[in-house]
């Protein structure tokens, strides 16, 4: 079995490159998403200074007392804004909750779009004034990068380059700050307890910037777990289930997990900040006719992005059945 192809692509060659360079980027992105489902991206325009500020603020957030964090926990929002405490999210099909706590930030609509009424307000962290400013800037930059990547994907699929633009403008995207907390007593946790159980992402694509430690692994087509090594400055990008449904499995949502560290490092924290790029809730995820043929019959029922998100939030325990 060949080694999975996980390339490192230069986003600047797509954003500011020639037609030939843009086509090459699009082809390589599509090939990787067919193979491993993952790529790493360099020259993405997010400065190291901003990444450092982001992680400084994420660390400060999770260092707040539990009672302070819990005042930002809005159970009625199914974890879509503010704080979600440990023991709440479980990978689909798993019995034991992930060993993590997280904070979610959603879309800020500034152009009068009536979709603003669909979105709850973001929680403002009063104790860390810089937090909301920094995370909003990261959100904006990752959303911009995601739009470029979706244009490259559209080209690869033979769609108009702007196919995704209207669907992701003021989309339901989420920036999630995750704290995989120290495992103080490894012998006391359930045998199947891990930082993030094997899962696929719900959304179109995910952009992960600068995780603080190793641990991310992807399941290859040969059914082997492959560690993803990326420089702190790189963005790791993977396909989500919504794009898999839309393309009738042409682009595959790859199973991945975050494993527990070696025993000697279990008392240390791991932080990561993925950006889950979602479309607007009314986007039709019906599989593209160009991705359906005799060898690849239609694999999924028709539904909107909003309907699919609701279904998956119930499956992972964030929304009540």
C-alpha atoms as a PDB file:
ATOM      1  CA  UNK A   1       0.000   0.000   0.000  1.00  0.00           C
ATOM      2  CA  UNK A   2       1.431   3.395  -0.950  1.00  0.00           C
ATOM      3  CA  UNK A   3       2.237   6.011   1.668  1.00  0.00           C
ATOM      4  CA  UNK A   4      -0.650   8.501   1.992  1.00  0.00           C
ATOM      5  CA  UNK A   5      -0.035  11.717   0.131  1.00  0.00           C
ATOM      6  CA  UNK A   6      -0.197  14.622   2.595  1.00  0.00           C
ATOM      7  CA  UNK A   7       1.369  17.551   0.767  1.00  0.00           C
ATOM      8  CA  UNK A   8       2.299  20.963   2.084  1.00  0.00           C
ATOM      9  CA  UNK A   9       0.797  23.548  -0.300  1.00  0.00           C
ATOM     10  CA  UNK A  10       1.613  27.241  -0.651  1.00  0.00           C
ATOM     11  CA  UNK A  11      -1.690  29.135  -0.522  1.00  0.00           C
ATOM     12  CA  UNK A  12      -0.070  32.291  -1.891  1.00  0.00           C
ATOM     13  CA  UNK A  13       0.553  30.520  -5.204  1.00  0.00           C
ATOM     14  CA  UNK A  14      -3.221  30.135  -5.497  1.00  0.00           C
ATOM     15  CA  UNK A  15      -4.274  33.572  -4.235  1.00  0.00           C
ATOM     16  CA  UNK A  16      -1.673  35.590  -6.174  1.00  0.00           C
ATOM     17  CA  UNK A  17      -0.336  33.076  -8.696  1.00  0.00           C
ATOM     18  CA  UNK A  18      -0.670  32.610 -12.438  1.00  0.00           C
ATOM     19  CA  UNK A  19      -3.474  30.572 -13.984  1.00  0.00           C
ATOM     20  CA  UNK A  20      -1.029  27.677 -14.307  1.00  0.00           C
ATOM     21  CA  UNK A  21      -0.041  27.907 -10.635  1.00  0.00           C
ATOM     22  CA  UNK A  22      -3.690  28.109  -9.545  1.00  0.00           C
ATOM     23  CA  UNK A  23      -4.573  25.049 -11.603  1.00  0.00           C
ATOM     24  CA  UNK A  24      -1.618  23.115 -10.134  1.00  0.00           C
ATOM     25  CA  UNK A  25      -2.684  24.071  -6.592  1.00  0.00           C
ATOM     26  CA  UNK A  26      -6.274  22.995  -7.295  1.00  0.00           C
ATOM     27  CA  UNK A  27      -5.157  19.647  -8.754  1.00  0.00           C
ATOM     28  CA  UNK A  28      -2.824  18.900  -5.833  1.00  0.00           C
ATOM     29  CA  UNK A  29      -5.489  19.879  -3.287  1.00  0.00           C
ATOM     30  CA  UNK A  30      -8.026  17.591  -4.970  1.00  0.00           C
ATOM     31  CA  UNK A  31      -5.548  14.706  -5.207  1.00  0.00           C
ATOM     32  CA  UNK A  32      -4.725  14.980  -1.501  1.00  0.00           C
ATOM     33  CA  UNK A  33      -8.397  15.137  -0.529  1.00  0.00           C
ATOM     34  CA  UNK A  34      -8.978  11.987  -2.606  1.00  0.00           C
ATOM     35  CA  UNK A  35      -6.058  10.226  -0.950  1.00  0.00           C
ATOM     36  CA  UNK A  36      -5.538  11.136   2.725  1.00  0.00           C
ATOM     37  CA  UNK A  37      -8.229  13.805   3.088  1.00  0.00           C
ATOM     38  CA  UNK A  38      -5.657  16.179   4.642  1.00  0.00           C
ATOM     39  CA  UNK A  39      -3.187  18.871   3.518  1.00  0.00           C
ATOM     40  CA  UNK A  40      -1.020  21.408   5.295  1.00  0.00           C
ATOM     41  CA  UNK A  41      -1.000  25.007   4.086  1.00  0.00           C
ATOM     42  CA  UNK A  42       1.803  27.588   4.266  1.00  0.00           C
ATOM     43  CA  UNK A  43       1.906  31.292   3.304  1.00  0.00           C
ATOM     44  CA  UNK A  44      -1.668  31.753   4.486  1.00  0.00           C
ATOM     45  CA  UNK A  45      -1.341  35.342   5.676  1.00  0.00           C
ATOM     46  CA  UNK A  46      -1.847  34.665   9.394  1.00  0.00           C
ATOM     47  CA  UNK A  47       1.181  36.128  11.155  1.00  0.00           C
ATOM     48  CA  UNK A  48       3.134  34.260  13.812  1.00  0.00           C
ATOM     49  CA  UNK A  49       2.474  37.195  16.154  1.00  0.00           C
ATOM     50  CA  UNK A  50      -1.295  36.728  15.778  1.00  0.00           C
ATOM     51  CA  UNK A  51      -1.007  32.935  16.249  1.00  0.00           C
ATOM     52  CA  UNK A  52       1.015  33.516  19.436  1.00  0.00           C
ATOM     53  CA  UNK A  53      -1.571  36.024  20.689  1.00  0.00           C
ATOM     54  CA  UNK A  54      -4.331  33.516  19.955  1.00  0.00           C
ATOM     55  CA  UNK A  55      -2.738  30.739  21.985  1.00  0.00           C
ATOM     56  CA  UNK A  56      -1.826  33.101  24.819  1.00  0.00           C
ATOM     57  CA  UNK A  57      -5.499  34.081  25.087  1.00  0.00           C
ATOM     58  CA  UNK A  58      -6.759  30.500  24.731  1.00  0.00           C
ATOM     59  CA  UNK A  59      -4.466  29.411  27.566  1.00  0.00           C
ATOM     60  CA  UNK A  60      -5.649  32.323  29.720  1.00  0.00           C
ATOM     61  CA  UNK A  61      -9.287  31.460  29.043  1.00  0.00           C
ATOM     62  CA  UNK A  62      -9.007  27.860  30.190  1.00  0.00           C
ATOM     63  CA  UNK A  63      -6.901  28.891  33.205  1.00  0.00           C
ATOM     64  CA  UNK A  64      -9.934  30.779  34.588  1.00  0.00           C
ATOM     65  CA  UNK A  65     -11.646  29.169  37.596  1.00  0.00           C
ATOM     66  CA  UNK A  66     -14.262  26.540  36.704  1.00  0.00           C
ATOM     67  CA  UNK A  67     -17.067  28.617  38.229  1.00  0.00           C
ATOM     68  CA  UNK A  68     -16.047  31.570  36.027  1.00  0.00           C
ATOM     69  CA  UNK A  69     -16.011  29.469  32.859  1.00  0.00           C
ATOM     70  CA  UNK A  70     -19.366  27.899  33.704  1.00  0.00           C
ATOM     71  CA  UNK A  71     -21.127  31.253  33.722  1.00  0.00           C
ATOM     72  CA  UNK A  72     -20.470  31.257  29.957  1.00  0.00           C
ATOM     73  CA  UNK A  73     -21.901  27.749  29.443  1.00  0.00           C
ATOM     74  CA  UNK A  74     -25.170  27.947  27.497  1.00  0.00           C
ATOM     75  CA  UNK A  75     -26.559  24.401  27.371  1.00  0.00           C
ATOM     76  CA  UNK A  76     -29.594  25.608  25.421  1.00  0.00           C
ATOM     77  CA  UNK A  77     -27.269  26.564  22.523  1.00  0.00           C
ATOM     78  CA  UNK A  78     -25.933  22.988  22.187  1.00  0.00           C
ATOM     79  CA  UNK A  79     -22.372  24.177  22.662  1.00  0.00           C
ATOM     80  CA  UNK A  80     -22.523  26.468  19.628  1.00  0.00           C
ATOM     81  CA  UNK A  81     -21.434  29.557  21.591  1.00  0.00           C
ATOM     82  CA  UNK A  82     -19.333  30.055  24.697  1.00  0.00           C
ATOM     83  CA  UNK A  83     -18.047  27.378  27.042  1.00  0.00           C
ATOM     84  CA  UNK A  84     -18.651  23.627  27.043  1.00  0.00           C
ATOM     85  CA  UNK A  85     -17.347  21.772  30.076  1.00  0.00           C
ATOM     86  CA  UNK A  86     -15.680  18.376  30.263  1.00  0.00           C
ATOM     87  CA  UNK A  87     -17.745  15.258  29.720  1.00  0.00           C
ATOM     88  CA  UNK A  88     -20.252  16.800  27.291  1.00  0.00           C
ATOM     89  CA  UNK A  89     -19.072  15.741  23.808  1.00  0.00           C
ATOM     90  CA  UNK A  90     -18.755  12.121  22.734  1.00  0.00           C
ATOM     91  CA  UNK A  91     -17.513  10.935  19.337  1.00  0.00           C
ATOM     92  CA  UNK A  92     -20.293   9.394  17.236  1.00  0.00           C
ATOM     93  CA  UNK A  93     -20.662   5.749  18.252  1.00  0.00           C
ATOM     94  CA  UNK A  94     -18.389   6.065  21.322  1.00  0.00           C
ATOM     95  CA  UNK A  95     -19.540   5.365  24.891  1.00  0.00           C
ATOM     96  CA  UNK A  96     -17.058   7.563  26.772  1.00  0.00           C
ATOM     97  CA  UNK A  97     -16.868  11.357  26.516  1.00  0.00           C
ATOM     98  CA  UNK A  98     -13.730  13.044  25.149  1.00  0.00           C
ATOM     99  CA  UNK A  99     -11.124  14.312  27.635  1.00  0.00           C
ATOM    100  CA  UNK A 100     -11.515  17.989  26.759  1.00  0.00           C
ATOM    101  CA  UNK A 101     -13.320  21.261  27.371  1.00  0.00           C
ATOM    102  CA  UNK A 102     -13.891  23.863  24.664  1.00  0.00           C
ATOM    103  CA  UNK A 103     -15.101  27.347  23.729  1.00  0.00           C
ATOM    104  CA  UNK A 104     -16.960  28.206  20.511  1.00  0.00           C
ATOM    105  CA  UNK A 105     -17.191  31.473  18.601  1.00  0.00           C
ATOM    106  CA  UNK A 106     -19.604  31.950  15.725  1.00  0.00           C
ATOM    107  CA  UNK A 107     -20.302  34.295  12.841  1.00  0.00           C
ATOM    108  CA  UNK A 108     -20.423  38.079  13.298  1.00  0.00           C
ATOM    109  CA  UNK A 109     -22.778  39.537  10.668  1.00  0.00           C
ATOM    110  CA  UNK A 110     -21.938  43.177   9.884  1.00  0.00           C
ATOM    111  CA  UNK A 111     -23.585  43.849   6.506  1.00  0.00           C
ATOM    112  CA  UNK A 112     -27.279  43.875   7.414  1.00  0.00           C
ATOM    113  CA  UNK A 113     -27.824  40.308   6.169  1.00  0.00           C
ATOM    114  CA  UNK A 114     -31.089  39.043   7.761  1.00  0.00           C
ATOM    115  CA  UNK A 115     -29.357  35.724   8.497  1.00  0.00           C
ATOM    116  CA  UNK A 116     -28.008  37.525  11.582  1.00  0.00           C
ATOM    117  CA  UNK A 117     -31.331  36.646  13.232  1.00  0.00           C
ATOM    118  CA  UNK A 118     -30.484  32.921  12.972  1.00  0.00           C
ATOM    119  CA  UNK A 119     -27.285  33.235  14.984  1.00  0.00           C
ATOM    120  CA  UNK A 120     -26.932  33.640  18.756  1.00  0.00           C
ATOM    121  CA  UNK A 121     -24.599  36.370  19.984  1.00  0.00           C
ATOM    122  CA  UNK A 122     -21.044  35.423  20.896  1.00  0.00           C
ATOM    123  CA  UNK A 123     -20.167  35.348  24.578  1.00  0.00           C
ATOM    124  CA  UNK A 124     -17.865  38.220  25.613  1.00  0.00           C
ATOM    125  CA  UNK A 125     -15.116  37.162  28.020  1.00  0.00           C
ATOM    126  CA  UNK A 126     -15.125  40.020  30.525  1.00  0.00           C
ATOM    127  CA  UNK A 127     -12.054  38.719  32.366  1.00  0.00           C
ATOM    128  CA  UNK A 128      -9.786  38.776  29.274  1.00  0.00           C
ATOM    129  CA  UNK A 129     -10.470  41.967  27.258  1.00  0.00           C
ATOM    130  CA  UNK A 130      -8.142  40.994  24.398  1.00  0.00           C
ATOM    131  CA  UNK A 131      -9.726  37.554  23.895  1.00  0.00           C
ATOM    132  CA  UNK A 132     -12.670  38.572  21.740  1.00  0.00           C
ATOM    133  CA  UNK A 133     -10.612  40.934  19.559  1.00  0.00           C
ATOM    134  CA  UNK A 134      -7.936  38.342  18.816  1.00  0.00           C
ATOM    135  CA  UNK A 135     -10.324  35.441  18.192  1.00  0.00           C
ATOM    136  CA  UNK A 136     -12.513  37.548  15.907  1.00  0.00           C
ATOM    137  CA  UNK A 137      -9.459  38.487  13.816  1.00  0.00           C
ATOM    138  CA  UNK A 138      -8.396  34.813  13.598  1.00  0.00           C
ATOM    139  CA  UNK A 139     -11.955  33.882  12.620  1.00  0.00           C
ATOM    140  CA  UNK A 140     -11.943  36.467   9.835  1.00  0.00           C
ATOM    141  CA  UNK A 141      -8.574  35.355   8.436  1.00  0.00           C
ATOM    142  CA  UNK A 142      -9.355  31.624   8.522  1.00  0.00           C
ATOM    143  CA  UNK A 143     -12.742  32.253   6.901  1.00  0.00           C
ATOM    144  CA  UNK A 144     -10.987  34.163   4.109  1.00  0.00           C
ATOM    145  CA  UNK A 145      -8.480  31.317   3.632  1.00  0.00           C
ATOM    146  CA  UNK A 146     -11.317  28.813   3.620  1.00  0.00           C
ATOM    147  CA  UNK A 147     -13.093  30.680   0.836  1.00  0.00           C
ATOM    148  CA  UNK A 148      -9.939  30.517  -1.325  1.00  0.00           C
ATOM    149  CA  UNK A 149      -9.633  26.783  -0.664  1.00  0.00           C
ATOM    150  CA  UNK A 150     -13.278  26.195  -1.595  1.00  0.00           C
ATOM    151  CA  UNK A 151     -12.721  28.065  -4.879  1.00  0.00           C
ATOM    152  CA  UNK A 152      -9.809  25.725  -5.617  1.00  0.00           C
ATOM    153  CA  UNK A 153     -12.035  22.758  -4.761  1.00  0.00           C
ATOM    154  CA  UNK A 154     -14.778  24.085  -7.050  1.00  0.00           C
ATOM    155  CA  UNK A 155     -12.284  24.215  -9.916  1.00  0.00           C
ATOM    156  CA  UNK A 156     -11.134  20.671  -9.172  1.00  0.00           C
ATOM    157  CA  UNK A 157     -14.769  19.487  -9.269  1.00  0.00           C
ATOM    158  CA  UNK A 158     -15.420  21.237 -12.575  1.00  0.00           C
ATOM    159  CA  UNK A 159     -17.810  23.722 -10.954  1.00  0.00           C
ATOM    160  CA  UNK A 160     -17.859  27.514 -11.449  1.00  0.00           C
ATOM    161  CA  UNK A 161     -15.056  28.991  -9.334  1.00  0.00           C
ATOM    162  CA  UNK A 162     -17.559  30.957  -7.241  1.00  0.00           C
ATOM    163  CA  UNK A 163     -19.867  27.954  -6.633  1.00  0.00           C
ATOM    164  CA  UNK A 164     -19.432  28.021  -2.841  1.00  0.00           C
ATOM    165  CA  UNK A 165     -19.240  31.812  -2.389  1.00  0.00           C
ATOM    166  CA  UNK A 166     -22.941  32.512  -1.823  1.00  0.00           C
ATOM    167  CA  UNK A 167     -23.284  29.491   0.453  1.00  0.00           C
ATOM    168  CA  UNK A 168     -20.455  30.465   2.815  1.00  0.00           C
ATOM    169  CA  UNK A 169     -21.043  34.243   2.883  1.00  0.00           C
ATOM    170  CA  UNK A 170     -22.055  34.834   6.516  1.00  0.00           C
ATOM    171  CA  UNK A 171     -22.049  31.055   6.919  1.00  0.00           C
ATOM    172  CA  UNK A 172     -22.577  29.208  10.192  1.00  0.00           C
ATOM    173  CA  UNK A 173     -18.829  28.677  10.757  1.00  0.00           C
ATOM    174  CA  UNK A 174     -17.357  28.009  14.186  1.00  0.00           C
ATOM    175  CA  UNK A 175     -13.958  28.799  15.720  1.00  0.00           C
ATOM    176  CA  UNK A 176     -13.350  26.324  18.530  1.00  0.00           C
ATOM    177  CA  UNK A 177     -10.678  26.720  21.178  1.00  0.00           C
ATOM    178  CA  UNK A 178      -9.986  23.306  22.752  1.00  0.00           C
ATOM    179  CA  UNK A 179      -8.201  22.460  25.985  1.00  0.00           C
ATOM    180  CA  UNK A 180      -7.223  18.811  26.332  1.00  0.00           C
ATOM    181  CA  UNK A 181      -6.691  19.030  30.073  1.00  0.00           C
ATOM    182  CA  UNK A 182      -3.983  17.203  32.051  1.00  0.00           C
ATOM    183  CA  UNK A 183      -4.743  13.598  32.967  1.00  0.00           C
ATOM    184  CA  UNK A 184      -3.723  13.732  36.612  1.00  0.00           C
ATOM    185  CA  UNK A 185      -4.386  10.066  37.378  1.00  0.00           C
ATOM    186  CA  UNK A 186      -4.116   7.914  34.245  1.00  0.00           C
ATOM    187  CA  UNK A 187      -5.218   4.808  36.185  1.00  0.00           C
ATOM    188  CA  UNK A 188      -8.535   6.438  37.130  1.00  0.00           C
ATOM    189  CA  UNK A 189      -9.831   7.116  33.603  1.00  0.00           C
ATOM    190  CA  UNK A 190     -11.914   4.663  31.590  1.00  0.00           C
ATOM    191  CA  UNK A 191      -9.858   2.310  29.386  1.00  0.00           C
ATOM    192  CA  UNK A 192     -11.429   3.825  26.246  1.00  0.00           C
ATOM    193  CA  UNK A 193     -11.110   7.468  27.369  1.00  0.00           C
ATOM    194  CA  UNK A 194      -9.128   9.574  24.869  1.00  0.00           C
ATOM    195  CA  UNK A 195      -8.648  13.267  24.191  1.00  0.00           C
ATOM    196  CA  UNK A 196     -10.769  13.066  21.042  1.00  0.00           C
ATOM    197  CA  UNK A 197     -12.306   9.818  19.895  1.00  0.00           C
ATOM    198  CA  UNK A 198     -12.144   8.766  16.249  1.00  0.00           C
ATOM    199  CA  UNK A 199     -14.555  10.968  14.286  1.00  0.00           C
ATOM    200  CA  UNK A 200     -15.245  12.870  11.088  1.00  0.00           C
ATOM    201  CA  UNK A 201     -15.952  16.601  11.046  1.00  0.00           C
ATOM    202  CA  UNK A 202     -19.486  17.777  10.270  1.00  0.00           C
ATOM    203  CA  UNK A 203     -18.746  20.825   8.101  1.00  0.00           C
ATOM    204  CA  UNK A 204     -17.399  21.520   4.573  1.00  0.00           C
ATOM    205  CA  UNK A 205     -13.699  21.897   5.457  1.00  0.00           C
ATOM    206  CA  UNK A 206     -11.762  22.368   8.694  1.00  0.00           C
ATOM    207  CA  UNK A 207      -8.728  24.626   9.114  1.00  0.00           C
ATOM    208  CA  UNK A 208      -6.575  23.912  12.188  1.00  0.00           C
ATOM    209  CA  UNK A 209      -3.913  26.427  13.119  1.00  0.00           C
ATOM    210  CA  UNK A 210      -0.896  25.804  15.339  1.00  0.00           C
ATOM    211  CA  UNK A 211      -1.820  23.022  17.783  1.00  0.00           C
ATOM    212  CA  UNK A 212       0.414  23.194  20.864  1.00  0.00           C
ATOM    213  CA  UNK A 213       1.480  19.525  20.823  1.00  0.00           C
ATOM    214  CA  UNK A 214       1.418  16.347  18.749  1.00  0.00           C
ATOM    215  CA  UNK A 215      -1.464  13.922  19.013  1.00  0.00           C
ATOM    216  CA  UNK A 216      -3.537  14.368  15.848  1.00  0.00           C
ATOM    217  CA  UNK A 217      -3.742  11.148  13.816  1.00  0.00           C
ATOM    218  CA  UNK A 218      -5.664  10.277  10.636  1.00  0.00           C
ATOM    219  CA  UNK A 219      -6.944   6.886   9.516  1.00  0.00           C
ATOM    220  CA  UNK A 220      -5.469   5.997   6.131  1.00  0.00           C
ATOM    221  CA  UNK A 221      -7.225   4.069   3.367  1.00  0.00           C
ATOM    222  CA  UNK A 222      -5.120   1.055   4.383  1.00  0.00           C
ATOM    223  CA  UNK A 223      -6.709   1.309   7.860  1.00  0.00           C
ATOM    224  CA  UNK A 224      -3.558   2.519   9.642  1.00  0.00           C
ATOM    225  CA  UNK A 225      -3.285   5.509  11.972  1.00  0.00           C
ATOM    226  CA  UNK A 226      -0.894   8.147  10.652  1.00  0.00           C
ATOM    227  CA  UNK A 227       0.370  11.008  12.888  1.00  0.00           C
ATOM    228  CA  UNK A 228       0.016  14.453  11.293  1.00  0.00           C
ATOM    229  CA  UNK A 229       3.156  16.513  11.791  1.00  0.00           C
ATOM    230  CA  UNK A 230       2.845  20.194  10.974  1.00  0.00           C
ATOM    231  CA  UNK A 231       4.929  23.235  11.799  1.00  0.00           C
ATOM    232  CA  UNK A 232       3.360  25.532  14.388  1.00  0.00           C
ATOM    233  CA  UNK A 233       2.852  28.134  11.636  1.00  0.00           C
ATOM    234  CA  UNK A 234       1.090  25.795   9.180  1.00  0.00           C
ATOM    235  CA  UNK A 235      -2.649  25.339   8.782  1.00  0.00           C
ATOM    236  CA  UNK A 236      -3.864  21.727   8.601  1.00  0.00           C
ATOM    237  CA  UNK A 237      -6.927  21.377   6.348  1.00  0.00           C
ATOM    238  CA  UNK A 238      -9.291  18.428   6.032  1.00  0.00           C
ATOM    239  CA  UNK A 239     -12.578  17.543   4.339  1.00  0.00           C
ATOM    240  CA  UNK A 240     -15.771  17.415   6.416  1.00  0.00           C
ATOM    241  CA  UNK A 241     -18.907  15.319   6.030  1.00  0.00           C
ATOM    242  CA  UNK A 242     -20.909  18.051   4.271  1.00  0.00           C
ATOM    243  CA  UNK A 243     -18.408  18.187   1.407  1.00  0.00           C
ATOM    244  CA  UNK A 244     -18.325  14.383   1.309  1.00  0.00           C
ATOM    245  CA  UNK A 245     -22.131  14.276   0.953  1.00  0.00           C
ATOM    246  CA  UNK A 246     -22.116  16.979  -1.708  1.00  0.00           C
ATOM    247  CA  UNK A 247     -19.486  15.128  -3.765  1.00  0.00           C
ATOM    248  CA  UNK A 248     -20.978  11.642  -3.200  1.00  0.00           C
ATOM    249  CA  UNK A 249     -17.681  10.467  -1.610  1.00  0.00           C
ATOM    250  CA  UNK A 250     -15.433  11.847  -4.373  1.00  0.00           C
ATOM    251  CA  UNK A 251     -13.839  13.972  -1.658  1.00  0.00           C
ATOM    252  CA  UNK A 252     -13.660  11.876   1.490  1.00  0.00           C
ATOM    253  CA  UNK A 253     -14.174  13.030   5.042  1.00  0.00           C
ATOM    254  CA  UNK A 254     -11.251  11.416   6.808  1.00  0.00           C
ATOM    255  CA  UNK A 255     -11.561   9.776  10.209  1.00  0.00           C
ATOM    256  CA  UNK A 256      -9.170  11.343  12.717  1.00  0.00           C
ATOM    257  CA  UNK A 257      -8.538  11.408  16.463  1.00  0.00           C
ATOM    258  CA  UNK A 258      -6.386  13.025  19.144  1.00  0.00           C
ATOM    259  CA  UNK A 259      -4.582  10.354  21.135  1.00  0.00           C
ATOM    260  CA  UNK A 260      -3.492  10.579  24.751  1.00  0.00           C
ATOM    261  CA  UNK A 261       0.171  11.523  25.233  1.00  0.00           C
ATOM    262  CA  UNK A 262       2.775   9.106  26.567  1.00  0.00           C
ATOM    263  CA  UNK A 263       2.283   8.433  30.267  1.00  0.00           C
ATOM    264  CA  UNK A 264       5.135  10.750  31.267  1.00  0.00           C
ATOM    265  CA  UNK A 265       3.384  13.655  29.510  1.00  0.00           C
ATOM    266  CA  UNK A 266      -0.179  12.953  30.644  1.00  0.00           C
ATOM    267  CA  UNK A 267      -0.096  15.730  33.263  1.00  0.00           C
ATOM    268  CA  UNK A 268       0.434  18.351  30.542  1.00  0.00           C
ATOM    269  CA  UNK A 269      -2.212  20.249  28.583  1.00  0.00           C
ATOM    270  CA  UNK A 270      -2.731  20.331  24.833  1.00  0.00           C
ATOM    271  CA  UNK A 271      -4.441  23.272  23.121  1.00  0.00           C
ATOM    272  CA  UNK A 272      -5.753  23.509  19.579  1.00  0.00           C
ATOM    273  CA  UNK A 273      -7.955  25.915  17.609  1.00  0.00           C
ATOM    274  CA  UNK A 274      -9.824  24.425  14.637  1.00  0.00           C
ATOM    275  CA  UNK A 275     -12.035  26.549  12.383  1.00  0.00           C
ATOM    276  CA  UNK A 276     -15.041  24.594  11.130  1.00  0.00           C
ATOM    277  CA  UNK A 277     -16.147  26.212   7.877  1.00  0.00           C
ATOM    278  CA  UNK A 278     -19.912  25.761   7.578  1.00  0.00           C
ATOM    279  CA  UNK A 279     -22.251  27.027   4.876  1.00  0.00           C
ATOM    280  CA  UNK A 280     -25.508  28.829   5.524  1.00  0.00           C
ATOM    281  CA  UNK A 281     -28.131  26.481   6.924  1.00  0.00           C
ATOM    282  CA  UNK A 282     -30.214  26.497   3.725  1.00  0.00           C
ATOM    283  CA  UNK A 283     -27.432  25.116   1.497  1.00  0.00           C
ATOM    284  CA  UNK A 284     -28.662  22.032  -0.359  1.00  0.00           C
ATOM    285  CA  UNK A 285     -26.257  19.126   0.221  1.00  0.00           C
ATOM    286  CA  UNK A 286     -27.857  16.938  -2.461  1.00  0.00           C
ATOM    287  CA  UNK A 287     -25.004  15.103  -4.193  1.00  0.00           C
ATOM    288  CA  UNK A 288     -23.774  16.789  -7.376  1.00  0.00           C
ATOM    289  CA  UNK A 289     -24.972  15.009 -10.546  1.00  0.00           C
ATOM    290  CA  UNK A 290     -21.379  15.111 -11.859  1.00  0.00           C
ATOM    291  CA  UNK A 291     -20.299  12.908  -8.927  1.00  0.00           C
ATOM    292  CA  UNK A 292     -22.914  10.206  -9.564  1.00  0.00           C
ATOM    293  CA  UNK A 293     -22.546   7.445 -12.151  1.00  0.00           C
ATOM    294  CA  UNK A 294     -22.978   3.677 -12.545  1.00  0.00           C
ATOM    295  CA  UNK A 295     -19.784   2.969 -10.600  1.00  0.00           C
ATOM    296  CA  UNK A 296     -20.622   5.564  -7.953  1.00  0.00           C
ATOM    297  CA  UNK A 297     -24.371   5.407  -7.271  1.00  0.00           C
ATOM    298  CA  UNK A 298     -25.901   8.075  -5.072  1.00  0.00           C
ATOM    299  CA  UNK A 299     -24.956   7.246  -1.474  1.00  0.00           C
ATOM    300  CA  UNK A 300     -26.837   9.864   0.553  1.00  0.00           C
ATOM    301  CA  UNK A 301     -30.347  11.166   1.121  1.00  0.00           C
ATOM    302  CA  UNK A 302     -31.099  14.797   0.272  1.00  0.00           C
ATOM    303  CA  UNK A 303     -30.956  17.330   3.105  1.00  0.00           C
ATOM    304  CA  UNK A 304     -29.874  20.869   3.863  1.00  0.00           C
ATOM    305  CA  UNK A 305     -26.762  21.840   5.819  1.00  0.00           C
ATOM    306  CA  UNK A 306     -28.955  22.962   8.732  1.00  0.00           C
ATOM    307  CA  UNK A 307     -30.781  19.637   8.870  1.00  0.00           C
ATOM    308  CA  UNK A 308     -27.529  17.708   8.749  1.00  0.00           C
ATOM    309  CA  UNK A 309     -25.923  19.828  11.491  1.00  0.00           C
ATOM    310  CA  UNK A 310     -28.936  19.277  13.749  1.00  0.00           C
ATOM    311  CA  UNK A 311     -28.741  15.507  13.188  1.00  0.00           C
ATOM    312  CA  UNK A 312     -25.040  15.346  13.993  1.00  0.00           C
ATOM    313  CA  UNK A 313     -25.215  17.570  17.109  1.00  0.00           C
ATOM    314  CA  UNK A 314     -27.721  15.098  18.533  1.00  0.00           C
ATOM    315  CA  UNK A 315     -25.481  12.142  17.654  1.00  0.00           C
ATOM    316  CA  UNK A 316     -22.465  13.577  19.510  1.00  0.00           C
ATOM    317  CA  UNK A 317     -24.454  14.522  22.603  1.00  0.00           C
ATOM    318  CA  UNK A 318     -24.395  18.311  22.373  1.00  0.00           C
ATOM    319  CA  UNK A 319     -28.096  18.543  21.520  1.00  0.00           C
ATOM    320  CA  UNK A 320     -30.803  16.581  23.312  1.00  0.00           C
ATOM    321  CA  UNK A 321     -32.567  13.883  21.304  1.00  0.00           C
END
